[in-house]
Amino acid sequence: MVSILFDNDIKWDNYLHFGTRQFFKEKAFIYKQGTLGDGFYYLQKGLIKVTTTTIVGNDRLLNIALPGQLLGVQAMDHKSHFTTATAVKDSILYFFSFERFEKLMNLQPSLLNTFIRTVIHKMHILADKIYLDTLLPEQQLARILLNICYEFKNSEVPLSQQDLVKCTGLNRITIYKILKQWKEENVLEIQGKKYIIRNPDVLKKLLG
């Protein structure tokens, strides 16, 4: 069950001058659940995790945002955010207010359809989370790695083991054992702070 984002269909670097450059240190909040939305963000550099807080106060991971992706688009209807975005490492983002985005749409009307598809996909992530919570740790990790591969249309996952621990909530030993087994089975290759998925079919089989 793999989802595909459409953020990369738009060359956002061409439109960054419409946004405001902002820097967030590790563990800083980009926005919090319940706060009023007044625009969206484009992640240029860094790593962001998107979570939601349940009624009993537990945080659940919904998405891992990598450079080139959008954040906060669900609140473009001038309503409150129903997720929280937190910097996993020092990050650079561009903020697009409603007014600035409207000007951009007037200049580039063709961007609207792609943007709408992105918003729809972000909503699907919330529904998919119900499915993700029923998976075993190795299935959760397989799904995350496959999603990133499909989103960026290549086999490289630019996340370190520490990044995966911070983002997923799985403990370090569990992730280490799973990745070690996959490396021995030639499912993936570890190159510094990134993973090369060599046999995605094995990961797909884990998800049934």
C-alpha atoms as a PDB file:
ATOM      1  CA  MET A   1       0.000   0.000   0.000  1.00  0.00           C
ATOM      2  CA  VAL A   2       2.258   2.796  -1.259  1.00  0.00           C
ATOM      3  CA  SER A   3       1.289   6.430  -1.711  1.00  0.00           C
ATOM      4  CA  ILE A   4       2.740   8.878  -4.211  1.00  0.00           C
ATOM      5  CA  LEU A   5       3.092  12.596  -3.539  1.00  0.00           C
ATOM      6  CA  PHE A   6       2.849  15.260  -6.193  1.00  0.00           C
ATOM      7  CA  ASP A   7       4.983  17.946  -4.507  1.00  0.00           C
ATOM      8  CA  ASN A   8       7.885  17.264  -6.842  1.00  0.00           C
ATOM      9  CA  ASP A   9       5.729  17.787  -9.938  1.00  0.00           C
ATOM     10  CA  ILE A  10       6.194  21.501  -9.241  1.00  0.00           C
ATOM     11  CA  LYS A  11       9.668  23.039  -9.457  1.00  0.00           C
ATOM     12  CA  TRP A  12       9.230  25.097  -6.314  1.00  0.00           C
ATOM     13  CA  ASP A  13      12.735  26.575  -6.561  1.00  0.00           C
ATOM     14  CA  ASN A  14      11.365  28.752  -9.364  1.00  0.00           C
ATOM     15  CA  TYR A  15       8.786  30.281  -7.017  1.00  0.00           C
ATOM     16  CA  LEU A  16      10.606  30.640  -3.693  1.00  0.00           C
ATOM     17  CA  HIS A  17      10.746  34.414  -4.078  1.00  0.00           C
ATOM     18  CA  PHE A  18       6.974  34.388  -3.443  1.00  0.00           C
ATOM     19  CA  GLY A  19       7.618  32.885  -0.008  1.00  0.00           C
ATOM     20  CA  THR A  20       9.421  33.961   3.157  1.00  0.00           C
ATOM     21  CA  ARG A  21      12.601  32.089   4.127  1.00  0.00           C
ATOM     22  CA  GLN A  22      12.499  30.761   7.700  1.00  0.00           C
ATOM     23  CA  PHE A  23      15.005  28.779   9.785  1.00  0.00           C
ATOM     24  CA  PHE A  24      13.961  26.243  12.436  1.00  0.00           C
ATOM     25  CA  LYS A  25      16.340  24.568  14.872  1.00  0.00           C
ATOM     26  CA  GLU A  26      16.084  20.888  15.777  1.00  0.00           C
ATOM     27  CA  LYS A  27      12.988  20.150  17.922  1.00  0.00           C
ATOM     28  CA  ALA A  28      11.380  23.493  17.019  1.00  0.00           C
ATOM     29  CA  PHE A  29       7.700  23.528  16.029  1.00  0.00           C
ATOM     30  CA  ILE A  30       6.842  24.769  12.544  1.00  0.00           C
ATOM     31  CA  TYR A  31       3.167  24.774  13.530  1.00  0.00           C
ATOM     32  CA  LYS A  32       1.105  23.078  16.230  1.00  0.00           C
ATOM     33  CA  GLN A  33      -2.118  21.148  16.175  1.00  0.00           C
ATOM     34  CA  GLY A  34      -5.045  23.448  16.946  1.00  0.00           C
ATOM     35  CA  THR A  35      -3.395  26.679  15.771  1.00  0.00           C
ATOM     36  CA  LEU A  36      -5.001  28.634  12.966  1.00  0.00           C
ATOM     37  CA  GLY A  37      -3.482  28.084   9.519  1.00  0.00           C
ATOM     38  CA  ASP A  38      -2.507  31.119   7.476  1.00  0.00           C
ATOM     39  CA  GLY A  39      -0.496  29.525   4.682  1.00  0.00           C
ATOM     40  CA  PHE A  40       1.751  26.552   3.883  1.00  0.00           C
ATOM     41  CA  TYR A  41       5.456  25.692   3.926  1.00  0.00           C
ATOM     42  CA  TYR A  42       7.965  24.346   1.415  1.00  0.00           C
ATOM     43  CA  LEU A  43      10.852  22.372   2.939  1.00  0.00           C
ATOM     44  CA  GLN A  44      14.128  23.312   1.239  1.00  0.00           C
ATOM     45  CA  LYS A  45      16.584  21.724   3.666  1.00  0.00           C
ATOM     46  CA  GLY A  46      16.303  19.517   6.741  1.00  0.00           C
ATOM     47  CA  LEU A  47      13.848  16.914   8.018  1.00  0.00           C
ATOM     48  CA  ILE A  48      10.379  17.364   9.491  1.00  0.00           C
ATOM     49  CA  LYS A  49       8.061  14.902  11.203  1.00  0.00           C
ATOM     50  CA  VAL A  50       4.315  15.432  11.138  1.00  0.00           C
ATOM     51  CA  THR A  51       2.347  14.045  14.066  1.00  0.00           C
ATOM     52  CA  THR A  52      -1.129  14.191  15.533  1.00  0.00           C
ATOM     53  CA  THR A  53      -2.141  13.999  19.189  1.00  0.00           C
ATOM     54  CA  THR A  54      -4.857  11.533  20.161  1.00  0.00           C
ATOM     55  CA  ILE A  55      -7.629  12.176  22.678  1.00  0.00           C
ATOM     56  CA  VAL A  56      -5.584  10.418  25.393  1.00  0.00           C
ATOM     57  CA  GLY A  57      -2.563  12.596  24.627  1.00  0.00           C
ATOM     58  CA  ASN A  58      -0.388  10.198  22.625  1.00  0.00           C
ATOM     59  CA  ASP A  59       1.538  11.472  19.592  1.00  0.00           C
ATOM     60  CA  ARG A  60       1.258   9.453  16.386  1.00  0.00           C
ATOM     61  CA  LEU A  61       3.563   9.818  13.413  1.00  0.00           C
ATOM     62  CA  LEU A  62       1.696  10.617  10.187  1.00  0.00           C
ATOM     63  CA  ASN A  63       4.435  11.564   7.762  1.00  0.00           C
ATOM     64  CA  ILE A  64       8.141  12.272   7.312  1.00  0.00           C
ATOM     65  CA  ALA A  65       8.761  15.351   5.160  1.00  0.00           C
ATOM     66  CA  LEU A  66      11.985  15.558   3.167  1.00  0.00           C
ATOM     67  CA  PRO A  67      13.402  18.481   1.148  1.00  0.00           C
ATOM     68  CA  GLY A  68      11.137  19.301  -1.797  1.00  0.00           C
ATOM     69  CA  GLN A  69       7.875  18.593   0.032  1.00  0.00           C
ATOM     70  CA  LEU A  70       5.057  20.781   1.345  1.00  0.00           C
ATOM     71  CA  LEU A  71       3.732  21.140   4.883  1.00  0.00           C
ATOM     72  CA  GLY A  72       0.545  22.588   6.322  1.00  0.00           C
ATOM     73  CA  VAL A  73      -1.495  22.515   3.126  1.00  0.00           C
ATOM     74  CA  GLN A  74      -4.458  20.978   4.965  1.00  0.00           C
ATOM     75  CA  ALA A  75      -5.044  24.319   6.701  1.00  0.00           C
ATOM     76  CA  MET A  76      -5.365  26.283   3.460  1.00  0.00           C
ATOM     77  CA  ASP A  77      -9.105  26.573   4.171  1.00  0.00           C
ATOM     78  CA  HIS A  78      -8.330  29.114   6.928  1.00  0.00           C
ATOM     79  CA  LYS A  79      -9.091  26.539   9.629  1.00  0.00           C
ATOM     80  CA  SER A  80      -6.968  25.079  12.420  1.00  0.00           C
ATOM     81  CA  HIS A  81      -4.114  22.652  11.849  1.00  0.00           C
ATOM     82  CA  PHE A  82      -5.003  19.108  12.880  1.00  0.00           C
ATOM     83  CA  THR A  83      -1.339  18.048  12.883  1.00  0.00           C
ATOM     84  CA  THR A  84       1.917  19.259  14.434  1.00  0.00           C
ATOM     85  CA  ALA A  85       5.113  19.694  12.392  1.00  0.00           C
ATOM     86  CA  THR A  86       8.420  19.449  14.261  1.00  0.00           C
ATOM     87  CA  ALA A  87      11.983  19.852  12.969  1.00  0.00           C
ATOM     88  CA  VAL A  88      13.935  16.613  13.429  1.00  0.00           C
ATOM     89  CA  LYS A  89      17.106  18.470  12.453  1.00  0.00           C
ATOM     90  CA  ASP A  90      17.943  22.109  11.669  1.00  0.00           C
ATOM     91  CA  SER A  91      15.737  23.024   8.701  1.00  0.00           C
ATOM     92  CA  ILE A  92      15.130  25.788   6.169  1.00  0.00           C
ATOM     93  CA  LEU A  93      11.561  26.346   4.975  1.00  0.00           C
ATOM     94  CA  TYR A  94       9.755  28.899   2.828  1.00  0.00           C
ATOM     95  CA  PHE A  95       6.402  30.123   4.069  1.00  0.00           C
ATOM     96  CA  PHE A  96       3.701  30.996   1.509  1.00  0.00           C
ATOM     97  CA  SER A  97       0.876  33.076   2.952  1.00  0.00           C
ATOM     98  CA  PHE A  98      -2.628  32.867   1.485  1.00  0.00           C
ATOM     99  CA  GLU A  99      -2.152  36.238  -0.180  1.00  0.00           C
ATOM    100  CA  ARG A 100       1.225  35.387  -1.726  1.00  0.00           C
ATOM    101  CA  PHE A 101      -0.051  32.029  -2.963  1.00  0.00           C
ATOM    102  CA  GLU A 102      -3.043  33.730  -4.594  1.00  0.00           C
ATOM    103  CA  LYS A 103      -0.658  36.009  -6.512  1.00  0.00           C
ATOM    104  CA  LEU A 104       1.356  32.977  -7.599  1.00  0.00           C
ATOM    105  CA  MET A 105      -1.786  31.214  -8.847  1.00  0.00           C
ATOM    106  CA  ASN A 106      -2.721  34.295 -10.884  1.00  0.00           C
ATOM    107  CA  LEU A 107       0.670  34.152 -12.603  1.00  0.00           C
ATOM    108  CA  GLN A 108       0.785  30.358 -12.965  1.00  0.00           C
ATOM    109  CA  PRO A 109      -2.800  28.961 -13.095  1.00  0.00           C
ATOM    110  CA  SER A 110      -1.493  25.530 -14.137  1.00  0.00           C
ATOM    111  CA  LEU A 111      -0.042  25.015 -10.647  1.00  0.00           C
ATOM    112  CA  LEU A 112      -3.488  24.846  -9.073  1.00  0.00           C
ATOM    113  CA  ASN A 113      -4.394  21.306 -10.186  1.00  0.00           C
ATOM    114  CA  THR A 114      -1.086  19.894  -8.982  1.00  0.00           C
ATOM    115  CA  PHE A 115      -1.452  21.696  -5.680  1.00  0.00           C
ATOM    116  CA  ILE A 116      -4.973  20.324  -5.211  1.00  0.00           C
ATOM    117  CA  ARG A 117      -3.733  16.787  -5.835  1.00  0.00           C
ATOM    118  CA  THR A 118      -1.082  17.321  -3.170  1.00  0.00           C
ATOM    119  CA  VAL A 119      -3.715  18.445  -0.650  1.00  0.00           C
ATOM    120  CA  ILE A 120      -5.844  15.373  -1.405  1.00  0.00           C
ATOM    121  CA  HIS A 121      -2.866  13.097  -0.914  1.00  0.00           C
ATOM    122  CA  LYS A 122      -2.035  14.669   2.441  1.00  0.00           C
ATOM    123  CA  MET A 123      -5.579  13.842   3.545  1.00  0.00           C
ATOM    124  CA  HIS A 124      -5.095  10.233   2.458  1.00  0.00           C
ATOM    125  CA  ILE A 125      -2.060  10.029   4.752  1.00  0.00           C
ATOM    126  CA  LEU A 126      -4.360  10.458   7.740  1.00  0.00           C
ATOM    127  CA  ALA A 127      -6.577   7.590   6.615  1.00  0.00           C
ATOM    128  CA  ASP A 128      -3.524   5.416   5.905  1.00  0.00           C
ATOM    129  CA  LYS A 129      -2.319   5.944   9.491  1.00  0.00           C
ATOM    130  CA  ILE A 130      -5.098   3.696  10.735  1.00  0.00           C
ATOM    131  CA  TYR A 131      -3.645   0.950   8.568  1.00  0.00           C
ATOM    132  CA  LEU A 132      -0.063   1.706   9.655  1.00  0.00           C
ATOM    133  CA  ASP A 133      -0.901   1.290  13.351  1.00  0.00           C
ATOM    134  CA  THR A 134      -1.844  -2.362  12.727  1.00  0.00           C
ATOM    135  CA  LEU A 135       1.564  -3.262  11.286  1.00  0.00           C
ATOM    136  CA  LEU A 136       4.537  -4.945  12.909  1.00  0.00           C
ATOM    137  CA  PRO A 137       7.739  -2.840  13.304  1.00  0.00           C
ATOM    138  CA  GLU A 138       9.387  -4.297  10.186  1.00  0.00           C
ATOM    139  CA  GLN A 139       6.219  -3.620   8.194  1.00  0.00           C
ATOM    140  CA  GLN A 140       6.060  -0.032   9.460  1.00  0.00           C
ATOM    141  CA  LEU A 141       9.688   0.533   8.470  1.00  0.00           C
ATOM    142  CA  ALA A 142       9.138  -1.089   5.066  1.00  0.00           C
ATOM    143  CA  ARG A 143       6.179   1.153   4.379  1.00  0.00           C
ATOM    144  CA  ILE A 144       8.056   4.325   5.312  1.00  0.00           C
ATOM    145  CA  LEU A 145      11.050   3.438   3.118  1.00  0.00           C
ATOM    146  CA  LEU A 146       8.840   2.507   0.165  1.00  0.00           C
ATOM    147  CA  ASN A 147       6.792   5.695   0.478  1.00  0.00           C
ATOM    148  CA  ILE A 148       9.922   7.822   0.346  1.00  0.00           C
ATOM    149  CA  CYS A 149      11.226   5.919  -2.695  1.00  0.00           C
ATOM    150  CA  TYR A 150       7.964   6.364  -4.575  1.00  0.00           C
ATOM    151  CA  GLU A 151       7.580   9.995  -3.567  1.00  0.00           C
ATOM    152  CA  PHE A 152      11.007  10.914  -4.907  1.00  0.00           C
ATOM    153  CA  LYS A 153      11.040   8.388  -7.751  1.00  0.00           C
ATOM    154  CA  ASN A 154      14.398   6.821  -6.895  1.00  0.00           C
ATOM    155  CA  SER A 155      15.801   4.088  -4.634  1.00  0.00           C
ATOM    156  CA  GLU A 156      17.803   6.367  -2.333  1.00  0.00           C
ATOM    157  CA  VAL A 157      16.401   7.152   1.108  1.00  0.00           C
ATOM    158  CA  PRO A 158      18.313  10.127   2.585  1.00  0.00           C
ATOM    159  CA  LEU A 159      17.683   9.183   6.216  1.00  0.00           C
ATOM    160  CA  SER A 160      20.139   7.930   8.808  1.00  0.00           C
ATOM    161  CA  GLN A 161      19.296   5.290  11.402  1.00  0.00           C
ATOM    162  CA  GLN A 162      19.061   8.075  13.976  1.00  0.00           C
ATOM    163  CA  ASP A 163      16.591   9.926  11.741  1.00  0.00           C
ATOM    164  CA  LEU A 164      14.401   6.826  11.555  1.00  0.00           C
ATOM    165  CA  VAL A 165      14.470   6.457  15.347  1.00  0.00           C
ATOM    166  CA  LYS A 166      13.482  10.103  15.885  1.00  0.00           C
ATOM    167  CA  CYS A 167      10.734  10.028  13.268  1.00  0.00           C
ATOM    168  CA  THR A 168       9.103   6.639  13.773  1.00  0.00           C
ATOM    169  CA  GLY A 169       9.168   6.255  17.552  1.00  0.00           C
ATOM    170  CA  LEU A 170      10.547   2.727  17.141  1.00  0.00           C
ATOM    171  CA  ASN A 171      13.513   2.102  19.445  1.00  0.00           C
ATOM    172  CA  ARG A 172      17.101   2.117  18.178  1.00  0.00           C
ATOM    173  CA  ILE A 173      17.732  -1.594  18.776  1.00  0.00           C
ATOM    174  CA  THR A 174      14.595  -2.636  16.870  1.00  0.00           C
ATOM    175  CA  ILE A 175      15.494  -0.502  13.847  1.00  0.00           C
ATOM    176  CA  TYR A 176      19.129  -1.654  13.947  1.00  0.00           C
ATOM    177  CA  LYS A 177      18.131  -5.347  13.924  1.00  0.00           C
ATOM    178  CA  ILE A 178      15.648  -4.885  11.065  1.00  0.00           C
ATOM    179  CA  LEU A 179      18.092  -2.911   8.900  1.00  0.00           C
ATOM    180  CA  LYS A 180      20.920  -5.355   9.670  1.00  0.00           C
ATOM    181  CA  GLN A 181      18.755  -8.278   8.527  1.00  0.00           C
ATOM    182  CA  TRP A 182      17.715  -6.468   5.344  1.00  0.00           C
ATOM    183  CA  LYS A 183      21.342  -5.629   4.600  1.00  0.00           C
ATOM    184  CA  GLU A 184      22.353  -9.296   4.993  1.00  0.00           C
ATOM    185  CA  GLU A 185      19.483 -10.305   2.678  1.00  0.00           C
ATOM    186  CA  ASN A 186      20.600  -7.669   0.119  1.00  0.00           C
ATOM    187  CA  VAL A 187      17.283  -5.863   0.425  1.00  0.00           C
ATOM    188  CA  LEU A 188      19.117  -2.603   0.985  1.00  0.00           C
ATOM    189  CA  GLU A 189      22.586  -1.122   1.112  1.00  0.00           C
ATOM    190  CA  ILE A 190      23.783   1.339   3.729  1.00  0.00           C
ATOM    191  CA  GLN A 191      25.877   4.223   2.399  1.00  0.00           C
ATOM    192  CA  GLY A 192      26.755   6.714   5.133  1.00  0.00           C
ATOM    193  CA  LYS A 193      23.574   8.509   6.141  1.00  0.00           C
ATOM    194  CA  LYS A 194      21.346   7.057   3.451  1.00  0.00           C
ATOM    195  CA  TYR A 195      19.909   3.739   2.317  1.00  0.00           C
ATOM    196  CA  ILE A 196      19.804   2.332  -1.203  1.00  0.00           C
ATOM    197  CA  ILE A 197      16.818   0.045  -1.701  1.00  0.00           C
ATOM    198  CA  ARG A 198      18.113  -2.855  -3.822  1.00  0.00           C
ATOM    199  CA  ASN A 199      15.093  -5.146  -3.691  1.00  0.00           C
ATOM    200  CA  PRO A 200      11.855  -3.248  -3.074  1.00  0.00           C
ATOM    201  CA  ASP A 201       9.796  -6.349  -3.921  1.00  0.00           C
ATOM    202  CA  VAL A 202      10.827  -7.909  -0.587  1.00  0.00           C
ATOM    203  CA  LEU A 203       9.526  -4.858   1.252  1.00  0.00           C
ATOM    204  CA  LYS A 204       6.299  -4.941  -0.759  1.00  0.00           C
ATOM    205  CA  LYS A 205       5.765  -8.595   0.173  1.00  0.00           C
ATOM    206  CA  LEU A 206       6.061  -7.695   3.840  1.00  0.00           C
ATOM    207  CA  LEU A 207       3.064  -5.425   3.352  1.00  0.00           C
ATOM    208  CA  GLY A 208       1.075  -8.164   1.661  1.00  0.00           C
END
